[in-house]
Amino acid sequence: MLVLWPLSDDVDTLQLALERKRAAAVWAERRGKNPNAARKLIEEDWMSDSISDIETDDEEKRKTYREELGKAACLQPREIAGGVKAWEIIKPRYRSQKYENLLREIDDVGCELKFKKGARRQTPRVFRRSYNEEPPRAAIFDFMLDRNWESRFRRDCDSGTKDSSELEILEANLGPLLEDGNEADDEGDDNAESA
């Protein structure tokens, strides 16, 4: 699946979060919701990572990776050979489908806003089913957590497949916003729907 997000070539999670916060406010306003609450649903620690190369001393592997990524991004062979970049999206596995859908809606608004401003050609971002298996590194809202992932993760920690310290990180980041889950929602119980 090809996904375009209108950012410069030096895209990082902070820039992505800032762009999404702006788009989230517009997304909320269009729905008659609280823009400040919607902004609280976007944090740098919750964003996907993006990579354009792999870390290895094997130059042939790096070249193959860049070529495959370029093809997945629908770049022309001459663009790939010329060094045109594409970004591979690495999503946090813990994110729920509900949160993914919310981000997709916000990204659609973000792209629309950028195109209205006459944004330059976009750097293609491609999701090739690559995931980060780590637990959230910052407190998350309840609806953001994929419960199937959580069950598998806990089972892996209990069996020793994953380090038990990872379970401590997960539990530490579930508590704070679960208790105050309505903080980002001035109108009801469901943060994603109401923000």
C-alpha atoms as a PDB file:
ATOM      1  CA  MET A   1       0.000   0.000   0.000  1.00  0.00           C
ATOM      2  CA  LEU A   2       1.368   3.414  -0.932  1.00  0.00           C
ATOM      3  CA  VAL A   3       0.830   6.196   1.568  1.00  0.00           C
ATOM      4  CA  LEU A   4       1.828   9.779   0.918  1.00  0.00           C
ATOM      5  CA  TRP A   5       2.381  12.214   3.751  1.00  0.00           C
ATOM      6  CA  PRO A   6       3.439  15.674   2.653  1.00  0.00           C
ATOM      7  CA  LEU A   7       6.667  16.237   4.545  1.00  0.00           C
ATOM      8  CA  SER A   8      10.210  17.147   3.620  1.00  0.00           C
ATOM      9  CA  ASP A   9      12.921  14.549   3.057  1.00  0.00           C
ATOM     10  CA  ASP A  10      14.145  14.918   6.646  1.00  0.00           C
ATOM     11  CA  VAL A  11      10.870  13.598   8.050  1.00  0.00           C
ATOM     12  CA  ASP A  12      11.007  12.295  11.581  1.00  0.00           C
ATOM     13  CA  THR A  13       8.506  11.379  14.257  1.00  0.00           C
ATOM     14  CA  LEU A  14       8.489  14.868  15.796  1.00  0.00           C
ATOM     15  CA  GLN A  15       7.716  16.534  12.459  1.00  0.00           C
ATOM     16  CA  LEU A  16       5.058  13.919  11.708  1.00  0.00           C
ATOM     17  CA  ALA A  17       3.441  14.523  15.114  1.00  0.00           C
ATOM     18  CA  LEU A  18       3.448  18.308  14.606  1.00  0.00           C
ATOM     19  CA  GLU A  19       1.883  18.020  11.156  1.00  0.00           C
ATOM     20  CA  ARG A  20      -0.731  15.590  12.454  1.00  0.00           C
ATOM     21  CA  LYS A  21      -1.591  17.863  15.411  1.00  0.00           C
ATOM     22  CA  ARG A  22      -2.372  20.681  12.966  1.00  0.00           C
ATOM     23  CA  ALA A  23      -4.483  18.371  10.834  1.00  0.00           C
ATOM     24  CA  ALA A  24      -6.205  16.894  13.929  1.00  0.00           C
ATOM     25  CA  ALA A  25      -7.458  20.337  14.937  1.00  0.00           C
ATOM     26  CA  VAL A  26      -9.026  20.875  11.497  1.00  0.00           C
ATOM     27  CA  TRP A  27     -10.388  17.297  11.521  1.00  0.00           C
ATOM     28  CA  ALA A  28     -12.094  17.987  14.880  1.00  0.00           C
ATOM     29  CA  GLU A  29     -13.442  21.403  13.879  1.00  0.00           C
ATOM     30  CA  ARG A  30     -15.085  19.900  10.794  1.00  0.00           C
ATOM     31  CA  ARG A  31     -16.913  17.466  13.076  1.00  0.00           C
ATOM     32  CA  GLY A  32     -17.913  20.088  15.623  1.00  0.00           C
ATOM     33  CA  LYS A  33     -15.558  18.588  18.192  1.00  0.00           C
ATOM     34  CA  ASN A  34     -12.961  20.061  20.506  1.00  0.00           C
ATOM     35  CA  PRO A  35      -9.709  20.745  18.541  1.00  0.00           C
ATOM     36  CA  ASN A  36      -7.602  20.786  21.742  1.00  0.00           C
ATOM     37  CA  ALA A  37      -8.905  17.344  22.668  1.00  0.00           C
ATOM     38  CA  ALA A  38      -8.075  16.044  19.196  1.00  0.00           C
ATOM     39  CA  ARG A  39      -4.498  17.346  19.473  1.00  0.00           C
ATOM     40  CA  LYS A  40      -4.071  15.242  22.639  1.00  0.00           C
ATOM     41  CA  LEU A  41      -4.564  12.125  20.518  1.00  0.00           C
ATOM     42  CA  ILE A  42      -1.281  12.797  18.697  1.00  0.00           C
ATOM     43  CA  GLU A  43       2.069  12.441  20.474  1.00  0.00           C
ATOM     44  CA  GLU A  44       5.531  11.932  19.036  1.00  0.00           C
ATOM     45  CA  ASP A  45       6.003   8.689  20.987  1.00  0.00           C
ATOM     46  CA  TRP A  46       2.922   7.165  19.309  1.00  0.00           C
ATOM     47  CA  MET A  47       4.004   7.874  15.719  1.00  0.00           C
ATOM     48  CA  SER A  48       5.378   5.372  13.230  1.00  0.00           C
ATOM     49  CA  ASP A  49       9.063   5.425  12.439  1.00  0.00           C
ATOM     50  CA  SER A  50      10.258   5.985   8.874  1.00  0.00           C
ATOM     51  CA  ILE A  51      13.464   4.630   7.378  1.00  0.00           C
ATOM     52  CA  SER A  52      14.992   5.101   3.937  1.00  0.00           C
ATOM     53  CA  ASP A  53      17.954   2.768   4.336  1.00  0.00           C
ATOM     54  CA  ILE A  54      19.099  -0.152   6.471  1.00  0.00           C
ATOM     55  CA  GLU A  55      22.087  -0.268   8.781  1.00  0.00           C
ATOM     56  CA  THR A  56      24.588  -2.763   7.456  1.00  0.00           C
ATOM     57  CA  ASP A  57      28.147  -2.820   6.166  1.00  0.00           C
ATOM     58  CA  ASP A  58      26.979  -4.932   3.227  1.00  0.00           C
ATOM     59  CA  GLU A  59      26.615  -2.382   0.419  1.00  0.00           C
ATOM     60  CA  GLU A  60      24.838  -4.915  -1.822  1.00  0.00           C
ATOM     61  CA  LYS A  61      22.104  -5.470   0.817  1.00  0.00           C
ATOM     62  CA  ARG A  62      21.667  -1.715   1.193  1.00  0.00           C
ATOM     63  CA  LYS A  63      21.374  -1.257  -2.573  1.00  0.00           C
ATOM     64  CA  THR A  64      18.834  -4.107  -2.820  1.00  0.00           C
ATOM     65  CA  TYR A  65      16.786  -2.641   0.037  1.00  0.00           C
ATOM     66  CA  ARG A  66      16.693   0.820  -1.569  1.00  0.00           C
ATOM     67  CA  GLU A  67      15.726  -0.676  -4.941  1.00  0.00           C
ATOM     68  CA  GLU A  68      12.915  -2.771  -3.426  1.00  0.00           C
ATOM     69  CA  LEU A  69      11.654   0.205  -1.429  1.00  0.00           C
ATOM     70  CA  GLY A  70      11.770   2.411  -4.530  1.00  0.00           C
ATOM     71  CA  LYS A  71       9.788  -0.160  -6.514  1.00  0.00           C
ATOM     72  CA  ALA A  72       7.211  -0.435  -3.724  1.00  0.00           C
ATOM     73  CA  ALA A  73       6.919   3.370  -3.825  1.00  0.00           C
ATOM     74  CA  CYS A  74       6.297   3.253  -7.596  1.00  0.00           C
ATOM     75  CA  LEU A  75       9.480   5.166  -8.373  1.00  0.00           C
ATOM     76  CA  GLN A  76      10.882   4.870 -11.881  1.00  0.00           C
ATOM     77  CA  PRO A  77      14.157   2.897 -12.279  1.00  0.00           C
ATOM     78  CA  ARG A  78      16.001   6.091 -13.260  1.00  0.00           C
ATOM     79  CA  GLU A  79      14.679   7.810 -10.086  1.00  0.00           C
ATOM     80  CA  ILE A  80      15.897   4.927  -7.932  1.00  0.00           C
ATOM     81  CA  ALA A  81      19.290   4.944  -9.656  1.00  0.00           C
ATOM     82  CA  GLY A  82      19.418   8.730  -9.230  1.00  0.00           C
ATOM     83  CA  GLY A  83      18.955   8.458  -5.469  1.00  0.00           C
ATOM     84  CA  VAL A  84      15.349   9.638  -5.135  1.00  0.00           C
ATOM     85  CA  LYS A  85      14.306   8.697  -1.609  1.00  0.00           C
ATOM     86  CA  ALA A  86      11.312   6.779  -0.351  1.00  0.00           C
ATOM     87  CA  TRP A  87      10.459   6.101   3.284  1.00  0.00           C
ATOM     88  CA  GLU A  88       9.386   2.769   4.732  1.00  0.00           C
ATOM     89  CA  ILE A  89       6.837   3.100   7.507  1.00  0.00           C
ATOM     90  CA  ILE A  90       7.508   1.012  10.622  1.00  0.00           C
ATOM     91  CA  LYS A  91       4.300   0.979  12.671  1.00  0.00           C
ATOM     92  CA  PRO A  92       4.054   0.256  16.377  1.00  0.00           C
ATOM     93  CA  ARG A  93       2.338  -3.148  16.588  1.00  0.00           C
ATOM     94  CA  TYR A  94       0.490  -2.198  19.790  1.00  0.00           C
ATOM     95  CA  ARG A  95      -1.735   0.358  18.026  1.00  0.00           C
ATOM     96  CA  SER A  96      -5.368  -0.641  17.643  1.00  0.00           C
ATOM     97  CA  GLN A  97      -7.228  -0.615  14.341  1.00  0.00           C
ATOM     98  CA  LYS A  98      -9.465   2.123  15.747  1.00  0.00           C
ATOM     99  CA  TYR A  99      -6.448   4.367  16.325  1.00  0.00           C
ATOM    100  CA  GLU A 100      -4.996   3.469  12.907  1.00  0.00           C
ATOM    101  CA  ASN A 101      -8.307   4.496  11.300  1.00  0.00           C
ATOM    102  CA  LEU A 102      -8.270   7.781  13.214  1.00  0.00           C
ATOM    103  CA  LEU A 103      -4.714   8.508  12.017  1.00  0.00           C
ATOM    104  CA  ARG A 104      -5.731   7.714   8.435  1.00  0.00           C
ATOM    105  CA  GLU A 105      -8.581  10.239   8.630  1.00  0.00           C
ATOM    106  CA  ILE A 106      -6.274  12.873  10.112  1.00  0.00           C
ATOM    107  CA  ASP A 107      -3.633  12.143   7.451  1.00  0.00           C
ATOM    108  CA  ASP A 108      -6.252  12.635   4.737  1.00  0.00           C
ATOM    109  CA  VAL A 109      -7.001  16.092   6.165  1.00  0.00           C
ATOM    110  CA  GLY A 110      -3.265  16.813   6.427  1.00  0.00           C
ATOM    111  CA  CYS A 111      -2.686  15.951   2.768  1.00  0.00           C
ATOM    112  CA  GLU A 112      -5.637  18.084   1.723  1.00  0.00           C
ATOM    113  CA  LEU A 113      -4.279  21.063   3.679  1.00  0.00           C
ATOM    114  CA  LYS A 114      -0.793  20.663   2.191  1.00  0.00           C
ATOM    115  CA  PHE A 115      -2.085  20.427  -1.356  1.00  0.00           C
ATOM    116  CA  LYS A 116      -4.139  23.580  -0.850  1.00  0.00           C
ATOM    117  CA  LYS A 117      -0.900  25.366   0.055  1.00  0.00           C
ATOM    118  CA  GLY A 118       0.760  24.092  -3.125  1.00  0.00           C
ATOM    119  CA  ALA A 119       3.084  21.560  -1.524  1.00  0.00           C
ATOM    120  CA  ARG A 120       6.000  20.333  -3.597  1.00  0.00           C
ATOM    121  CA  ARG A 121       6.299  16.738  -4.776  1.00  0.00           C
ATOM    122  CA  GLN A 122       5.842  14.349  -1.902  1.00  0.00           C
ATOM    123  CA  THR A 123       8.397  11.853  -0.659  1.00  0.00           C
ATOM    124  CA  PRO A 124       6.626   8.507  -0.968  1.00  0.00           C
ATOM    125  CA  ARG A 125       6.035   6.658   2.279  1.00  0.00           C
ATOM    126  CA  VAL A 126       5.336   2.955   1.953  1.00  0.00           C
ATOM    127  CA  PHE A 127       3.948   0.551   4.524  1.00  0.00           C
ATOM    128  CA  ARG A 128       5.308  -2.910   3.739  1.00  0.00           C
ATOM    129  CA  ARG A 129       3.902  -4.613   6.827  1.00  0.00           C
ATOM    130  CA  SER A 130       6.923  -3.729   8.968  1.00  0.00           C
ATOM    131  CA  TYR A 131       6.228  -3.377  12.672  1.00  0.00           C
ATOM    132  CA  ASN A 132       7.976  -2.299  15.827  1.00  0.00           C
ATOM    133  CA  GLU A 133       7.137  -4.950  18.448  1.00  0.00           C
ATOM    134  CA  GLU A 134       8.071  -2.828  21.469  1.00  0.00           C
ATOM    135  CA  PRO A 135       5.477  -1.709  24.021  1.00  0.00           C
ATOM    136  CA  PRO A 136       4.402   1.934  24.081  1.00  0.00           C
ATOM    137  CA  ARG A 137       7.149   4.132  25.543  1.00  0.00           C
ATOM    138  CA  ALA A 138       4.703   6.773  26.768  1.00  0.00           C
ATOM    139  CA  ALA A 139       1.251   6.647  28.340  1.00  0.00           C
ATOM    140  CA  ILE A 140      -1.529   5.828  25.870  1.00  0.00           C
ATOM    141  CA  PHE A 141      -5.311   6.035  25.869  1.00  0.00           C
ATOM    142  CA  ASP A 142      -7.198   2.792  26.319  1.00  0.00           C
ATOM    143  CA  PHE A 143      -8.687   2.740  22.808  1.00  0.00           C
ATOM    144  CA  MET A 144      -5.185   2.919  21.259  1.00  0.00           C
ATOM    145  CA  LEU A 145      -4.156  -0.521  22.520  1.00  0.00           C
ATOM    146  CA  ASP A 146      -4.705  -3.601  20.370  1.00  0.00           C
ATOM    147  CA  ARG A 147      -5.878  -6.158  22.951  1.00  0.00           C
ATOM    148  CA  ASN A 148      -4.766  -9.113  20.806  1.00  0.00           C
ATOM    149  CA  TRP A 149      -1.251  -7.676  20.667  1.00  0.00           C
ATOM    150  CA  GLU A 150      -1.354  -7.111  24.429  1.00  0.00           C
ATOM    151  CA  SER A 151      -2.349 -10.761  25.067  1.00  0.00           C
ATOM    152  CA  ARG A 152       0.462 -12.065  22.847  1.00  0.00           C
ATOM    153  CA  PHE A 153       2.948  -9.655  24.394  1.00  0.00           C
ATOM    154  CA  ARG A 154       2.033 -10.685  27.959  1.00  0.00           C
ATOM    155  CA  ARG A 155       2.223 -14.348  26.997  1.00  0.00           C
ATOM    156  CA  ASP A 156       5.691 -13.818  25.483  1.00  0.00           C
ATOM    157  CA  CYS A 157       6.870 -12.023  28.642  1.00  0.00           C
ATOM    158  CA  ASP A 158       5.442 -14.770  30.874  1.00  0.00           C
ATOM    159  CA  SER A 159       7.121 -17.499  28.801  1.00  0.00           C
ATOM    160  CA  GLY A 160      10.483 -15.727  28.831  1.00  0.00           C
ATOM    161  CA  THR A 161      10.476 -15.071  25.082  1.00  0.00           C
ATOM    162  CA  LYS A 162      10.539 -11.350  25.906  1.00  0.00           C
ATOM    163  CA  ASP A 163      12.325  -9.683  28.799  1.00  0.00           C
ATOM    164  CA  SER A 164      10.046  -9.093  31.821  1.00  0.00           C
ATOM    165  CA  SER A 165      11.239  -5.476  31.956  1.00  0.00           C
ATOM    166  CA  GLU A 166       9.280  -4.933  28.719  1.00  0.00           C
ATOM    167  CA  LEU A 167       6.095  -5.931  30.575  1.00  0.00           C
ATOM    168  CA  GLU A 168       6.893  -3.351  33.255  1.00  0.00           C
ATOM    169  CA  ILE A 169       7.200  -0.690  30.548  1.00  0.00           C
ATOM    170  CA  LEU A 170       3.827  -1.704  29.101  1.00  0.00           C
ATOM    171  CA  GLU A 171       2.076  -1.631  32.464  1.00  0.00           C
ATOM    172  CA  ALA A 172       3.637   1.709  33.379  1.00  0.00           C
ATOM    173  CA  ASN A 173       2.249   3.270  30.201  1.00  0.00           C
ATOM    174  CA  LEU A 174      -1.226   1.816  30.449  1.00  0.00           C
ATOM    175  CA  GLY A 175      -2.145   3.311  33.806  1.00  0.00           C
ATOM    176  CA  PRO A 176      -1.985   7.111  33.567  1.00  0.00           C
ATOM    177  CA  LEU A 177      -4.234   7.744  30.583  1.00  0.00           C
ATOM    178  CA  LEU A 178      -6.491   4.765  31.195  1.00  0.00           C
ATOM    179  CA  GLU A 179      -7.543   6.374  34.471  1.00  0.00           C
ATOM    180  CA  ASP A 180      -8.028   9.773  32.830  1.00  0.00           C
ATOM    181  CA  GLY A 181      -9.257   8.411  29.513  1.00  0.00           C
ATOM    182  CA  ASN A 182     -11.873  11.120  29.127  1.00  0.00           C
ATOM    183  CA  GLU A 183      -9.259  13.859  29.458  1.00  0.00           C
ATOM    184  CA  ALA A 184      -9.021  14.150  25.679  1.00  0.00           C
ATOM    185  CA  ASP A 185     -12.754  13.827  25.294  1.00  0.00           C
ATOM    186  CA  ASP A 186     -15.092  16.546  26.465  1.00  0.00           C
ATOM    187  CA  GLU A 187     -18.183  14.865  25.056  1.00  0.00           C
ATOM    188  CA  GLY A 188     -18.259  11.170  25.922  1.00  0.00           C
ATOM    189  CA  ASP A 189     -16.491   7.935  26.704  1.00  0.00           C
ATOM    190  CA  ASP A 190     -14.927   7.134  23.356  1.00  0.00           C
ATOM    191  CA  ASN A 191     -11.841   9.274  22.744  1.00  0.00           C
ATOM    192  CA  ALA A 192     -11.483   8.521  19.032  1.00  0.00           C
ATOM    193  CA  GLU A 193     -15.091   9.156  18.131  1.00  0.00           C
ATOM    194  CA  SER A 194     -15.526  12.263  20.263  1.00  0.00           C
ATOM    195  CA  ALA A 195     -12.240  14.086  19.903  1.00  0.00           C
END
